[in-house]
């Protein structure tokens, strides 16, 4: 089976969709400071409900080929990627070099999760 097959790619695509909705639910209301808090809580909850229709299948399908730790790591890296775009485009916040370096360090740490032991059986 090829390394980039349906159960490898589908969870990533679903997690991107999931994170778009979750980021909107968690941070979209920040542009509407005058809206009553209770109203934005319920609207955000409704948006988050849609997010579950992406994340649950992503994890169910992804668990065929990824461990739980790998799925969570994918989730976090995708979350940061979606958020940086969201913050720049929707919240109109600048993305600084400091942000990019910090996110790159997090991504490097996440990459460690996906390291595989050497083929000769030596521990990585």
PDB file of N, CA and C in Angstrom:
ATOM      1  N   UNK A   1       0.848  -1.183   0.000  1.00  0.00           N
ATOM      2  CA  UNK A   1       0.000   0.000   0.000  1.00  0.00           C
ATOM      3  C   UNK A   1       0.889   1.242   0.000  1.00  0.00           C
ATOM      4  N   UNK A   2       0.617   2.203  -0.881  1.00  0.00           N
ATOM      5  CA  UNK A   2       1.442   3.417  -0.919  1.00  0.00           C
ATOM      6  C   UNK A   2       1.358   4.197   0.388  1.00  0.00           C
ATOM      7  N   UNK A   3       2.439   4.892   0.708  1.00  0.00           N
ATOM      8  CA  UNK A   3       2.493   5.656   1.960  1.00  0.00           C
ATOM      9  C   UNK A   3       1.463   6.781   1.998  1.00  0.00           C
ATOM     10  N   UNK A   4       1.106   7.326   0.845  1.00  0.00           N
ATOM     11  CA  UNK A   4       0.123   8.415   0.814  1.00  0.00           C
ATOM     12  C   UNK A   4      -1.186   7.907   0.235  1.00  0.00           C
ATOM     13  N   UNK A   5      -1.840   7.039   0.980  1.00  0.00           N
ATOM     14  CA  UNK A   5      -3.092   6.443   0.540  1.00  0.00           C
ATOM     15  C   UNK A   5      -4.278   7.145   1.191  1.00  0.00           C
ATOM     16  N   UNK A   6      -5.465   6.693   0.860  1.00  0.00           N
ATOM     17  CA  UNK A   6      -6.701   7.277   1.373  1.00  0.00           C
ATOM     18  C   UNK A   6      -6.695   7.425   2.891  1.00  0.00           C
ATOM     19  N   UNK A   7      -6.354   6.381   3.677  1.00  0.00           N
ATOM     20  CA  UNK A   7      -6.373   6.596   5.131  1.00  0.00           C
ATOM     21  C   UNK A   7      -5.251   7.497   5.637  1.00  0.00           C
ATOM     22  N   UNK A   8      -4.262   7.792   4.815  1.00  0.00           N
ATOM     23  CA  UNK A   8      -3.209   8.722   5.218  1.00  0.00           C
ATOM     24  C   UNK A   8      -3.606  10.174   4.943  1.00  0.00           C
ATOM     25  N   UNK A   9      -4.227  10.423   3.809  1.00  0.00           N
ATOM     26  CA  UNK A   9      -4.535  11.785   3.368  1.00  0.00           C
ATOM     27  C   UNK A   9      -5.880  12.284   3.901  1.00  0.00           C
ATOM     28  N   UNK A  10      -6.887  11.429   3.885  1.00  0.00           N
ATOM     29  CA  UNK A  10      -8.234  11.838   4.295  1.00  0.00           C
ATOM     30  C   UNK A  10      -8.276  12.460   5.685  1.00  0.00           C
ATOM     31  N   UNK A  11      -7.623  11.866   6.694  1.00  0.00           N
ATOM     32  CA  UNK A  11      -7.667  12.497   8.017  1.00  0.00           C
ATOM     33  C   UNK A  11      -7.057  13.890   8.030  1.00  0.00           C
ATOM     34  N   UNK A  12      -6.009  14.097   7.252  1.00  0.00           N
ATOM     35  CA  UNK A  12      -5.374  15.412   7.206  1.00  0.00           C
ATOM     36  C   UNK A  12      -6.336  16.439   6.614  1.00  0.00           C
ATOM     37  N   UNK A  13      -7.000  16.068   5.528  1.00  0.00           N
ATOM     38  CA  UNK A  13      -7.974  16.983   4.908  1.00  0.00           C
ATOM     39  C   UNK A  13      -9.134  17.272   5.853  1.00  0.00           C
ATOM     40  N   UNK A  14      -9.619  16.234   6.532  1.00  0.00           N
ATOM     41  CA  UNK A  14     -10.714  16.432   7.487  1.00  0.00           C
ATOM     42  C   UNK A  14     -10.272  17.283   8.676  1.00  0.00           C
ATOM     43  N   UNK A  15      -9.036  17.098   9.125  1.00  0.00           N
ATOM     44  CA  UNK A  15      -8.536  17.916  10.237  1.00  0.00           C
ATOM     45  C   UNK A  15      -8.379  19.373   9.840  1.00  0.00           C
ATOM     46  N   UNK A  16      -8.017  19.624   8.600  1.00  0.00           N
ATOM     47  CA  UNK A  16      -7.966  21.020   8.128  1.00  0.00           C
ATOM     48  C   UNK A  16      -9.366  21.622   8.188  1.00  0.00           C
ATOM     49  N   UNK A  17     -10.361  20.900   7.666  1.00  0.00           N
ATOM     50  CA  UNK A  17     -11.745  21.384   7.738  1.00  0.00           C
ATOM     51  C   UNK A  17     -12.192  21.595   9.170  1.00  0.00           C
ATOM     52  N   UNK A  18     -11.889  20.635  10.016  1.00  0.00           N
ATOM     53  CA  UNK A  18     -12.235  20.727  11.429  1.00  0.00           C
ATOM     54  C   UNK A  18     -11.636  21.975  12.063  1.00  0.00           C
ATOM     55  N   UNK A  19     -10.381  22.223  11.779  1.00  0.00           N
ATOM     56  CA  UNK A  19      -9.700  23.364  12.388  1.00  0.00           C
ATOM     57  C   UNK A  19     -10.199  24.697  11.871  1.00  0.00           C
ATOM     58  N   UNK A  20     -10.637  24.748  10.650  1.00  0.00           N
ATOM     59  CA  UNK A  20     -11.229  25.988  10.143  1.00  0.00           C
ATOM     60  C   UNK A  20     -12.471  26.328  10.961  1.00  0.00           C
ATOM     61  N   UNK A  21     -13.331  25.340  11.174  1.00  0.00           N
ATOM     62  CA  UNK A  21     -14.545  25.588  11.959  1.00  0.00           C
ATOM     63  C   UNK A  21     -14.218  25.880  13.423  1.00  0.00           C
ATOM     64  N   UNK A  22     -13.279  25.138  14.005  1.00  0.00           N
ATOM     65  CA  UNK A  22     -12.981  25.343  15.419  1.00  0.00           C
ATOM     66  C   UNK A  22     -12.321  26.695  15.653  1.00  0.00           C
ATOM     67  N   UNK A  23     -11.448  27.098  14.752  1.00  0.00           N
ATOM     68  CA  UNK A  23     -10.816  28.416  14.888  1.00  0.00           C
ATOM     69  C   UNK A  23     -11.865  29.514  14.768  1.00  0.00           C
ATOM     70  N   UNK A  24     -12.784  29.351  13.850  1.00  0.00           N
ATOM     71  CA  UNK A  24     -13.874  30.324  13.721  1.00  0.00           C
ATOM     72  C   UNK A  24     -14.731  30.345  14.978  1.00  0.00           C
ATOM     73  N   UNK A  25     -15.019  29.176  15.541  1.00  0.00           N
ATOM     74  CA  UNK A  25     -15.827  29.102  16.768  1.00  0.00           C
ATOM     75  C   UNK A  25     -15.110  29.758  17.946  1.00  0.00           C
ATOM     76  N   UNK A  26     -13.832  29.512  18.089  1.00  0.00           N
ATOM     77  CA  UNK A  26     -13.094  30.016  19.248  1.00  0.00           C
ATOM     78  C   UNK A  26     -12.679  31.470  19.129  1.00  0.00           C
ATOM     79  N   UNK A  27     -12.385  31.915  17.901  1.00  0.00           N
ATOM     80  CA  UNK A  27     -11.805  33.248  17.750  1.00  0.00           C
ATOM     81  C   UNK A  27     -12.599  34.186  16.848  1.00  0.00           C
ATOM     82  N   UNK A  28     -13.565  33.676  16.101  1.00  0.00           N
ATOM     83  CA  UNK A  28     -14.325  34.503  15.168  1.00  0.00           C
ATOM     84  C   UNK A  28     -15.089  35.627  15.835  1.00  0.00           C
ATOM     85  N   UNK A  29     -15.526  35.398  17.044  1.00  0.00           N
ATOM     86  CA  UNK A  29     -16.319  36.402  17.765  1.00  0.00           C
ATOM     87  C   UNK A  29     -15.490  37.599  18.218  1.00  0.00           C
ATOM     88  N   UNK A  30     -14.173  37.505  18.164  1.00  0.00           N
ATOM     89  CA  UNK A  30     -13.332  38.597  18.652  1.00  0.00           C
ATOM     90  C   UNK A  30     -13.515  39.882  17.862  1.00  0.00           C
ATOM     91  N   UNK A  31     -14.021  39.776  16.640  1.00  0.00           N
ATOM     92  CA  UNK A  31     -14.292  40.979  15.852  1.00  0.00           C
ATOM     93  C   UNK A  31     -15.649  41.585  16.197  1.00  0.00           C
ATOM     94  N   UNK A  32     -16.416  40.938  17.039  1.00  0.00           N
ATOM     95  CA  UNK A  32     -17.768  41.401  17.389  1.00  0.00           C
ATOM     96  C   UNK A  32     -17.845  41.649  18.891  1.00  0.00           C
ATOM     97  N   UNK A  33     -17.039  42.579  19.358  1.00  0.00           N
ATOM     98  CA  UNK A  33     -16.926  42.838  20.795  1.00  0.00           C
ATOM     99  C   UNK A  33     -18.219  43.344  21.417  1.00  0.00           C
ATOM    100  N   UNK A  34     -19.086  43.948  20.627  1.00  0.00           N
ATOM    101  CA  UNK A  34     -20.338  44.488  21.162  1.00  0.00           C
ATOM    102  C   UNK A  34     -21.417  43.417  21.313  1.00  0.00           C
ATOM    103  N   UNK A  35     -21.222  42.270  20.681  1.00  0.00           N
ATOM    104  CA  UNK A  35     -22.226  41.196  20.765  1.00  0.00           C
ATOM    105  C   UNK A  35     -22.255  40.641  22.185  1.00  0.00           C
ATOM    106  N   UNK A  36     -23.444  40.338  22.683  1.00  0.00           N
ATOM    107  CA  UNK A  36     -23.539  39.784  24.039  1.00  0.00           C
ATOM    108  C   UNK A  36     -22.786  38.455  24.154  1.00  0.00           C
ATOM    109  N   UNK A  37     -22.103  38.276  25.270  1.00  0.00           N
ATOM    110  CA  UNK A  37     -21.279  37.088  25.478  1.00  0.00           C
ATOM    111  C   UNK A  37     -22.089  35.799  25.339  1.00  0.00           C
ATOM    112  N   UNK A  38     -23.271  35.767  25.930  1.00  0.00           N
ATOM    113  CA  UNK A  38     -24.090  34.546  25.854  1.00  0.00           C
ATOM    114  C   UNK A  38     -24.436  34.210  24.408  1.00  0.00           C
ATOM    115  N   UNK A  39     -24.719  35.214  23.604  1.00  0.00           N
ATOM    116  CA  UNK A  39     -25.032  34.991  22.197  1.00  0.00           C
ATOM    117  C   UNK A  39     -23.839  34.389  21.462  1.00  0.00           C
ATOM    118  N   UNK A  40     -22.648  34.959  21.666  1.00  0.00           N
ATOM    119  CA  UNK A  40     -21.476  34.428  20.955  1.00  0.00           C
ATOM    120  C   UNK A  40     -21.110  33.035  21.457  1.00  0.00           C
ATOM    121  N   UNK A  41     -21.390  32.750  22.713  1.00  0.00           N
ATOM    122  CA  UNK A  41     -21.143  31.391  23.227  1.00  0.00           C
ATOM    123  C   UNK A  41     -22.014  30.391  22.476  1.00  0.00           C
ATOM    124  N   UNK A  42     -23.290  30.695  22.320  1.00  0.00           N
ATOM    125  CA  UNK A  42     -24.185  29.752  21.627  1.00  0.00           C
ATOM    126  C   UNK A  42     -23.874  29.657  20.128  1.00  0.00           C
ATOM    127  N   UNK A  43     -23.547  30.765  19.516  1.00  0.00           N
ATOM    128  CA  UNK A  43     -23.162  30.719  18.098  1.00  0.00           C
ATOM    129  C   UNK A  43     -21.880  29.903  17.936  1.00  0.00           C
ATOM    130  N   UNK A  44     -20.914  30.145  18.790  1.00  0.00           N
ATOM    131  CA  UNK A  44     -19.664  29.392  18.740  1.00  0.00           C
ATOM    132  C   UNK A  44     -19.899  27.911  18.982  1.00  0.00           C
ATOM    133  N   UNK A  45     -20.783  27.582  19.893  1.00  0.00           N
ATOM    134  CA  UNK A  45     -21.115  26.183  20.166  1.00  0.00           C
ATOM    135  C   UNK A  45     -21.708  25.521  18.924  1.00  0.00           C
ATOM    136  N   UNK A  46     -22.559  26.237  18.213  1.00  0.00           N
ATOM    137  CA  UNK A  46     -23.134  25.696  16.980  1.00  0.00           C
ATOM    138  C   UNK A  46     -22.080  25.457  15.912  1.00  0.00           C
ATOM    139  N   UNK A  47     -21.140  26.379  15.799  1.00  0.00           N
ATOM    140  CA  UNK A  47     -20.043  26.203  14.835  1.00  0.00           C
ATOM    141  C   UNK A  47     -19.178  25.019  15.251  1.00  0.00           C
ATOM    142  N   UNK A  48     -18.918  24.898  16.542  1.00  0.00           N
ATOM    143  CA  UNK A  48     -18.104  23.784  17.034  1.00  0.00           C
ATOM    144  C   UNK A  48     -18.791  22.442  16.788  1.00  0.00           C
ATOM    145  N   UNK A  49     -20.103  22.415  16.824  1.00  0.00           N
ATOM    146  CA  UNK A  49     -20.831  21.169  16.536  1.00  0.00           C
ATOM    147  C   UNK A  49     -20.534  20.702  15.113  1.00  0.00           C
ATOM    148  N   UNK A  50     -20.476  21.628  14.175  1.00  0.00           N
ATOM    149  CA  UNK A  50     -20.129  21.284  12.794  1.00  0.00           C
ATOM    150  C   UNK A  50     -18.718  20.704  12.755  1.00  0.00           C
ATOM    151  N   UNK A  51     -17.832  21.281  13.548  1.00  0.00           N
ATOM    152  CA  UNK A  51     -16.436  20.818  13.595  1.00  0.00           C
ATOM    153  C   UNK A  51     -16.353  19.334  13.944  1.00  0.00           C
ATOM    154  N   UNK A  52     -17.235  18.864  14.802  1.00  0.00           N
ATOM    155  CA  UNK A  52     -17.213  17.455  15.207  1.00  0.00           C
ATOM    156  C   UNK A  52     -17.492  16.511  14.043  1.00  0.00           C
ATOM    157  N   UNK A  53     -18.239  16.971  13.052  1.00  0.00           N
ATOM    158  CA  UNK A  53     -18.523  16.138  11.883  1.00  0.00           C
ATOM    159  C   UNK A  53     -17.279  15.956  11.008  1.00  0.00           C
ATOM    160  N   UNK A  54     -16.251  16.727  11.262  1.00  0.00           N
ATOM    161  CA  UNK A  54     -14.968  16.575  10.573  1.00  0.00           C
ATOM    162  C   UNK A  54     -13.966  15.811  11.437  1.00  0.00           C
ATOM    163  N   UNK A  55     -13.853  16.210  12.711  1.00  0.00           N
ATOM    164  CA  UNK A  55     -12.780  15.673  13.545  1.00  0.00           C
ATOM    165  C   UNK A  55     -13.000  14.214  13.937  1.00  0.00           C
ATOM    166  N   UNK A  56     -14.236  13.827  14.204  1.00  0.00           N
ATOM    167  CA  UNK A  56     -14.487  12.432  14.610  1.00  0.00           C
ATOM    168  C   UNK A  56     -14.164  11.470  13.467  1.00  0.00           C
ATOM    169  N   UNK A  57     -14.667  11.698  12.240  1.00  0.00           N
ATOM    170  CA  UNK A  57     -14.256  10.811  11.144  1.00  0.00           C
ATOM    171  C   UNK A  57     -12.752  10.873  10.869  1.00  0.00           C
ATOM    172  N   UNK A  58     -12.141  12.053  11.017  1.00  0.00           N
ATOM    173  CA  UNK A  58     -10.697  12.174  10.797  1.00  0.00           C
ATOM    174  C   UNK A  58      -9.934  11.236  11.723  1.00  0.00           C
ATOM    175  N   UNK A  59     -10.303  11.234  12.982  1.00  0.00           N
ATOM    176  CA  UNK A  59      -9.624  10.378  13.945  1.00  0.00           C
ATOM    177  C   UNK A  59      -9.959   8.904  13.738  1.00  0.00           C
ATOM    178  N   UNK A  60     -11.189   8.602  13.396  1.00  0.00           N
ATOM    179  CA  UNK A  60     -11.592   7.214  13.173  1.00  0.00           C
ATOM    180  C   UNK A  60     -10.856   6.632  11.973  1.00  0.00           C
ATOM    181  N   UNK A  61     -10.825   7.389  10.880  1.00  0.00           N
ATOM    182  CA  UNK A  61     -10.134   6.929   9.668  1.00  0.00           C
ATOM    183  C   UNK A  61      -8.620   6.936   9.889  1.00  0.00           C
ATOM    184  N   UNK A  62      -8.119   8.002  10.487  1.00  0.00           N
ATOM    185  CA  UNK A  62      -6.683   8.147  10.680  1.00  0.00           C
ATOM    186  C   UNK A  62      -6.080   7.109  11.599  1.00  0.00           C
ATOM    187  N   UNK A  63      -6.863   6.601  12.536  1.00  0.00           N
ATOM    188  CA  UNK A  63      -6.340   5.624  13.497  1.00  0.00           C
ATOM    189  C   UNK A  63      -6.007   4.290  12.828  1.00  0.00           C
ATOM    190  N   UNK A  64      -6.451   4.128  11.586  1.00  0.00           N
ATOM    191  CA  UNK A  64      -6.071   2.935  10.820  1.00  0.00           C
ATOM    192  C   UNK A  64      -4.572   2.944  10.505  1.00  0.00           C
ATOM    193  N   UNK A  65      -3.992   4.128  10.357  1.00  0.00           N
ATOM    194  CA  UNK A  65      -2.599   4.235   9.912  1.00  0.00           C
ATOM    195  C   UNK A  65      -1.730   5.096  10.831  1.00  0.00           C
ATOM    196  N   UNK A  66      -2.326   5.874  11.719  1.00  0.00           N
ATOM    197  CA  UNK A  66      -1.577   6.726  12.633  1.00  0.00           C
ATOM    198  C   UNK A  66      -1.870   6.301  14.066  1.00  0.00           C
ATOM    199  N   UNK A  67      -0.898   6.494  14.942  1.00  0.00           N
ATOM    200  CA  UNK A  67      -1.142   6.264  16.367  1.00  0.00           C
ATOM    201  C   UNK A  67      -1.932   7.443  16.929  1.00  0.00           C
ATOM    202  N   UNK A  68      -2.418   7.299  18.137  1.00  0.00           N
ATOM    203  CA  UNK A  68      -3.104   8.407  18.792  1.00  0.00           C
ATOM    204  C   UNK A  68      -2.215   9.621  18.938  1.00  0.00           C
ATOM    205  N   UNK A  69      -0.946   9.403  19.296  1.00  0.00           N
ATOM    206  CA  UNK A  69       0.001  10.512  19.437  1.00  0.00           C
ATOM    207  C   UNK A  69       0.247  11.199  18.101  1.00  0.00           C
ATOM    208  N   UNK A  70       0.323  10.416  17.031  1.00  0.00           N
ATOM    209  CA  UNK A  70       0.529  11.013  15.709  1.00  0.00           C
ATOM    210  C   UNK A  70      -0.695  11.822  15.281  1.00  0.00           C
ATOM    211  N   UNK A  71      -1.899  11.303  15.552  1.00  0.00           N
ATOM    212  CA  UNK A  71      -3.116  12.053  15.211  1.00  0.00           C
ATOM    213  C   UNK A  71      -3.165  13.373  15.973  1.00  0.00           C
ATOM    214  N   UNK A  72      -2.847  13.339  17.253  1.00  0.00           N
ATOM    215  CA  UNK A  72      -2.864  14.563  18.058  1.00  0.00           C
ATOM    216  C   UNK A  72      -1.814  15.551  17.563  1.00  0.00           C
ATOM    217  N   UNK A  73      -0.661  15.043  17.169  1.00  0.00           N
ATOM    218  CA  UNK A  73       0.396  15.896  16.645  1.00  0.00           C
ATOM    219  C   UNK A  73      -0.041  16.553  15.338  1.00  0.00           C
ATOM    220  N   UNK A  74      -0.638  15.772  14.440  1.00  0.00           N
ATOM    221  CA  UNK A  74      -1.175  16.348  13.202  1.00  0.00           C
ATOM    222  C   UNK A  74      -2.169  17.457  13.527  1.00  0.00           C
ATOM    223  N   UNK A  75      -3.051  17.174  14.484  1.00  0.00           N
ATOM    224  CA  UNK A  75      -4.067  18.146  14.890  1.00  0.00           C
ATOM    225  C   UNK A  75      -3.427  19.455  15.329  1.00  0.00           C
ATOM    226  N   UNK A  76      -2.393  19.385  16.150  1.00  0.00           N
ATOM    227  CA  UNK A  76      -1.775  20.596  16.683  1.00  0.00           C
ATOM    228  C   UNK A  76      -1.054  21.397  15.608  1.00  0.00           C
ATOM    229  N   UNK A  77      -0.342  20.718  14.725  1.00  0.00           N
ATOM    230  CA  UNK A  77       0.364  21.428  13.654  1.00  0.00           C
ATOM    231  C   UNK A  77      -0.639  22.066  12.693  1.00  0.00           C
ATOM    232  N   UNK A  78      -1.698  21.349  12.373  1.00  0.00           N
ATOM    233  CA  UNK A  78      -2.745  21.910  11.507  1.00  0.00           C
ATOM    234  C   UNK A  78      -3.416  23.084  12.205  1.00  0.00           C
ATOM    235  N   UNK A  79      -3.663  22.965  13.496  1.00  0.00           N
ATOM    236  CA  UNK A  79      -4.271  24.055  14.260  1.00  0.00           C
ATOM    237  C   UNK A  79      -3.431  25.328  14.152  1.00  0.00           C
ATOM    238  N   UNK A  80      -2.136  25.203  14.356  1.00  0.00           N
ATOM    239  CA  UNK A  80      -1.267  26.377  14.257  1.00  0.00           C
ATOM    240  C   UNK A  80      -1.246  26.940  12.841  1.00  0.00           C
ATOM    241  N   UNK A  81      -1.217  26.070  11.861  1.00  0.00           N
ATOM    242  CA  UNK A  81      -1.196  26.521  10.462  1.00  0.00           C
ATOM    243  C   UNK A  81      -2.468  27.274  10.107  1.00  0.00           C
ATOM    244  N   UNK A  82      -3.603  26.716  10.493  1.00  0.00           N
ATOM    245  CA  UNK A  82      -4.886  27.376  10.219  1.00  0.00           C
ATOM    246  C   UNK A  82      -4.958  28.691  10.987  1.00  0.00           C
ATOM    247  N   UNK A  83      -4.521  28.671  12.238  1.00  0.00           N
ATOM    248  CA  UNK A  83      -4.633  29.878  13.049  1.00  0.00           C
ATOM    249  C   UNK A  83      -3.794  31.023  12.506  1.00  0.00           C
ATOM    250  N   UNK A  84      -2.576  30.750  12.052  1.00  0.00           N
ATOM    251  CA  UNK A  84      -1.731  31.840  11.565  1.00  0.00           C
ATOM    252  C   UNK A  84      -2.363  32.512  10.345  1.00  0.00           C
ATOM    253  N   UNK A  85      -2.987  31.730   9.486  1.00  0.00           N
ATOM    254  CA  UNK A  85      -3.690  32.298   8.323  1.00  0.00           C
ATOM    255  C   UNK A  85      -4.918  33.074   8.799  1.00  0.00           C
ATOM    256  N   UNK A  86      -5.677  32.500   9.720  1.00  0.00           N
ATOM    257  CA  UNK A  86      -6.871  33.138  10.269  1.00  0.00           C
ATOM    258  C   UNK A  86      -6.525  34.470  10.942  1.00  0.00           C
ATOM    259  N   UNK A  87      -5.482  34.452  11.755  1.00  0.00           N
ATOM    260  CA  UNK A  87      -5.091  35.671  12.477  1.00  0.00           C
ATOM    261  C   UNK A  87      -4.692  36.774  11.507  1.00  0.00           C
ATOM    262  N   UNK A  88      -3.995  36.393  10.457  1.00  0.00           N
ATOM    263  CA  UNK A  88      -3.549  37.399   9.492  1.00  0.00           C
ATOM    264  C   UNK A  88      -4.708  37.919   8.644  1.00  0.00           C
ATOM    265  N   UNK A  89      -5.537  37.014   8.126  1.00  0.00           N
ATOM    266  CA  UNK A  89      -6.589  37.421   7.190  1.00  0.00           C
ATOM    267  C   UNK A  89      -7.865  37.916   7.870  1.00  0.00           C
ATOM    268  N   UNK A  90      -8.299  37.250   8.918  1.00  0.00           N
ATOM    269  CA  UNK A  90      -9.574  37.588   9.552  1.00  0.00           C
ATOM    270  C   UNK A  90      -9.404  38.602  10.689  1.00  0.00           C
ATOM    271  N   UNK A  91      -8.443  38.347  11.567  1.00  0.00           N
ATOM    272  CA  UNK A  91      -8.234  39.258  12.697  1.00  0.00           C
ATOM    273  C   UNK A  91      -7.338  40.438  12.329  1.00  0.00           C
ATOM    274  N   UNK A  92      -6.726  40.375  11.153  1.00  0.00           N
ATOM    275  CA  UNK A  92      -5.844  41.444  10.674  1.00  0.00           C
ATOM    276  C   UNK A  92      -4.674  41.688  11.619  1.00  0.00           C
ATOM    277  N   UNK A  93      -4.166  40.603  12.224  1.00  0.00           N
ATOM    278  CA  UNK A  93      -3.014  40.698  13.110  1.00  0.00           C
ATOM    279  C   UNK A  93      -1.752  40.383  12.319  1.00  0.00           C
ATOM    280  N   UNK A  94      -0.685  41.105  12.571  1.00  0.00           N
ATOM    281  CA  UNK A  94       0.557  40.824  11.846  1.00  0.00           C
ATOM    282  C   UNK A  94       1.165  39.494  12.288  1.00  0.00           C
ATOM    283  N   UNK A  95       1.737  38.783  11.348  1.00  0.00           N
ATOM    284  CA  UNK A  95       2.495  37.575  11.649  1.00  0.00           C
ATOM    285  C   UNK A  95       3.955  37.997  11.685  1.00  0.00           C
ATOM    286  N   UNK A  96       4.557  37.884  12.847  1.00  0.00           N
ATOM    287  CA  UNK A  96       5.927  38.366  13.012  1.00  0.00           C
ATOM    288  C   UNK A  96       6.924  37.222  12.850  1.00  0.00           C
ATOM    289  N   UNK A  97       8.168  37.592  12.725  1.00  0.00           N
ATOM    290  CA  UNK A  97       9.244  36.599  12.662  1.00  0.00           C
ATOM    291  C   UNK A  97       9.244  35.771  13.945  1.00  0.00           C
ATOM    292  N   UNK A  98       8.987  36.416  15.057  1.00  0.00           N
ATOM    293  CA  UNK A  98       8.928  35.717  16.352  1.00  0.00           C
ATOM    294  C   UNK A  98       7.861  34.625  16.331  1.00  0.00           C
ATOM    295  N   UNK A  99       6.696  34.943  15.761  1.00  0.00           N
ATOM    296  CA  UNK A  99       5.634  33.934  15.633  1.00  0.00           C
ATOM    297  C   UNK A  99       6.100  32.770  14.761  1.00  0.00           C
ATOM    298  N   UNK A 100       6.677  33.097  13.618  1.00  0.00           N
ATOM    299  CA  UNK A 100       7.108  32.065  12.674  1.00  0.00           C
ATOM    300  C   UNK A 100       8.187  31.165  13.271  1.00  0.00           C
ATOM    301  N   UNK A 101       9.117  31.746  14.004  1.00  0.00           N
ATOM    302  CA  UNK A 101      10.154  30.943  14.650  1.00  0.00           C
ATOM    303  C   UNK A 101       9.543  30.037  15.705  1.00  0.00           C
ATOM    304  N   UNK A 102       8.654  30.579  16.499  1.00  0.00           N
ATOM    305  CA  UNK A 102       7.985  29.774  17.523  1.00  0.00           C
ATOM    306  C   UNK A 102       7.196  28.627  16.921  1.00  0.00           C
ATOM    307  N   UNK A 103       6.432  28.899  15.867  1.00  0.00           N
ATOM    308  CA  UNK A 103       5.659  27.851  15.207  1.00  0.00           C
ATOM    309  C   UNK A 103       6.584  26.826  14.569  1.00  0.00           C
ATOM    310  N   UNK A 104       7.701  27.269  14.005  1.00  0.00           N
ATOM    311  CA  UNK A 104       8.656  26.338  13.398  1.00  0.00           C
ATOM    312  C   UNK A 104       9.256  25.415  14.456  1.00  0.00           C
ATOM    313  N   UNK A 105       9.547  25.950  15.629  1.00  0.00           N
ATOM    314  CA  UNK A 105      10.069  25.106  16.708  1.00  0.00           C
ATOM    315  C   UNK A 105       9.037  24.079  17.164  1.00  0.00           C
ATOM    316  N   UNK A 106       7.786  24.494  17.234  1.00  0.00           N
ATOM    317  CA  UNK A 106       6.722  23.550  17.589  1.00  0.00           C
ATOM    318  C   UNK A 106       6.604  22.467  16.520  1.00  0.00           C
ATOM    319  N   UNK A 107       6.660  22.864  15.249  1.00  0.00           N
ATOM    320  CA  UNK A 107       6.582  21.896  14.149  1.00  0.00           C
ATOM    321  C   UNK A 107       7.771  20.941  14.187  1.00  0.00           C
ATOM    322  N   UNK A 108       8.954  21.454  14.518  1.00  0.00           N
ATOM    323  CA  UNK A 108      10.127  20.579  14.623  1.00  0.00           C
ATOM    324  C   UNK A 108       9.942  19.558  15.740  1.00  0.00           C
ATOM    325  N   UNK A 109       9.407  20.005  16.851  1.00  0.00           N
ATOM    326  CA  UNK A 109       9.117  19.075  17.939  1.00  0.00           C
ATOM    327  C   UNK A 109       8.090  18.039  17.531  1.00  0.00           C
ATOM    328  N   UNK A 110       7.092  18.478  16.780  1.00  0.00           N
ATOM    329  CA  UNK A 110       6.062  17.556  16.308  1.00  0.00           C
ATOM    330  C   UNK A 110       6.647  16.523  15.349  1.00  0.00           C
ATOM    331  N   UNK A 111       7.617  16.931  14.556  1.00  0.00           N
ATOM    332  CA  UNK A 111       8.241  16.016  13.600  1.00  0.00           C
ATOM    333  C   UNK A 111       8.899  14.839  14.314  1.00  0.00           C
ATOM    334  N   UNK A 112       9.376  15.049  15.521  1.00  0.00           N
ATOM    335  CA  UNK A 112      10.002  13.975  16.289  1.00  0.00           C
ATOM    336  C   UNK A 112       9.026  12.816  16.499  1.00  0.00           C
ATOM    337  N   UNK A 113       7.754  13.140  16.662  1.00  0.00           N
ATOM    338  CA  UNK A 113       6.729  12.104  16.865  1.00  0.00           C
ATOM    339  C   UNK A 113       6.691  11.135  15.687  1.00  0.00           C
ATOM    340  N   UNK A 114       6.999  11.633  14.492  1.00  0.00           N
ATOM    341  CA  UNK A 114       6.892  10.811  13.282  1.00  0.00           C
ATOM    342  C   UNK A 114       8.190  10.113  12.901  1.00  0.00           C
ATOM    343  N   UNK A 115       9.248  10.288  13.692  1.00  0.00           N
ATOM    344  CA  UNK A 115      10.489   9.571  13.409  1.00  0.00           C
ATOM    345  C   UNK A 115      10.258   8.073  13.597  1.00  0.00           C
ATOM    346  N   UNK A 116      10.781   7.309  12.693  1.00  0.00           N
ATOM    347  CA  UNK A 116      10.654   5.855  12.765  1.00  0.00           C
ATOM    348  C   UNK A 116      12.014   5.263  13.134  1.00  0.00           C
ATOM    349  N   UNK A 117      12.019   4.152  13.850  1.00  0.00           N
ATOM    350  CA  UNK A 117      13.300   3.472  14.134  1.00  0.00           C
ATOM    351  C   UNK A 117      13.995   3.093  12.825  1.00  0.00           C
ATOM    352  N   UNK A 118      15.311   3.044  12.867  1.00  0.00           N
ATOM    353  CA  UNK A 118      16.091   2.665  11.690  1.00  0.00           C
ATOM    354  C   UNK A 118      15.703   1.251  11.249  1.00  0.00           C
ATOM    355  N   UNK A 119      15.853   0.975   9.958  1.00  0.00           N
ATOM    356  CA  UNK A 119      15.466  -0.307   9.395  1.00  0.00           C
ATOM    357  C   UNK A 119      16.223  -1.482  10.008  1.00  0.00           C
ATOM    358  N   UNK A 120      17.417  -1.225  10.551  1.00  0.00           N
ATOM    359  CA  UNK A 120      18.199  -2.322  11.104  1.00  0.00           C
ATOM    360  C   UNK A 120      17.762  -2.670  12.530  1.00  0.00           C
ATOM    361  N   UNK A 121      16.733  -2.020  13.022  1.00  0.00           N
ATOM    362  CA  UNK A 121      16.203  -2.342  14.342  1.00  0.00           C
ATOM    363  C   UNK A 121      16.774  -1.492  15.449  1.00  0.00           C
ATOM    364  N   UNK A 122      17.720  -0.631  15.157  1.00  0.00           N
ATOM    365  CA  UNK A 122      18.283   0.253  16.182  1.00  0.00           C
ATOM    366  C   UNK A 122      17.237   1.267  16.609  1.00  0.00           C
ATOM    367  N   UNK A 123      17.223   1.575  17.880  1.00  0.00           N
ATOM    368  CA  UNK A 123      16.243   2.551  18.392  1.00  0.00           C
ATOM    369  C   UNK A 123      16.615   3.941  17.920  1.00  0.00           C
ATOM    370  N   UNK A 124      15.569   4.743  17.600  1.00  0.00           N
ATOM    371  CA  UNK A 124      15.804   6.129  17.163  1.00  0.00           C
ATOM    372  C   UNK A 124      15.821   7.043  18.354  1.00  0.00           C
TER     373      UNK A 124
END
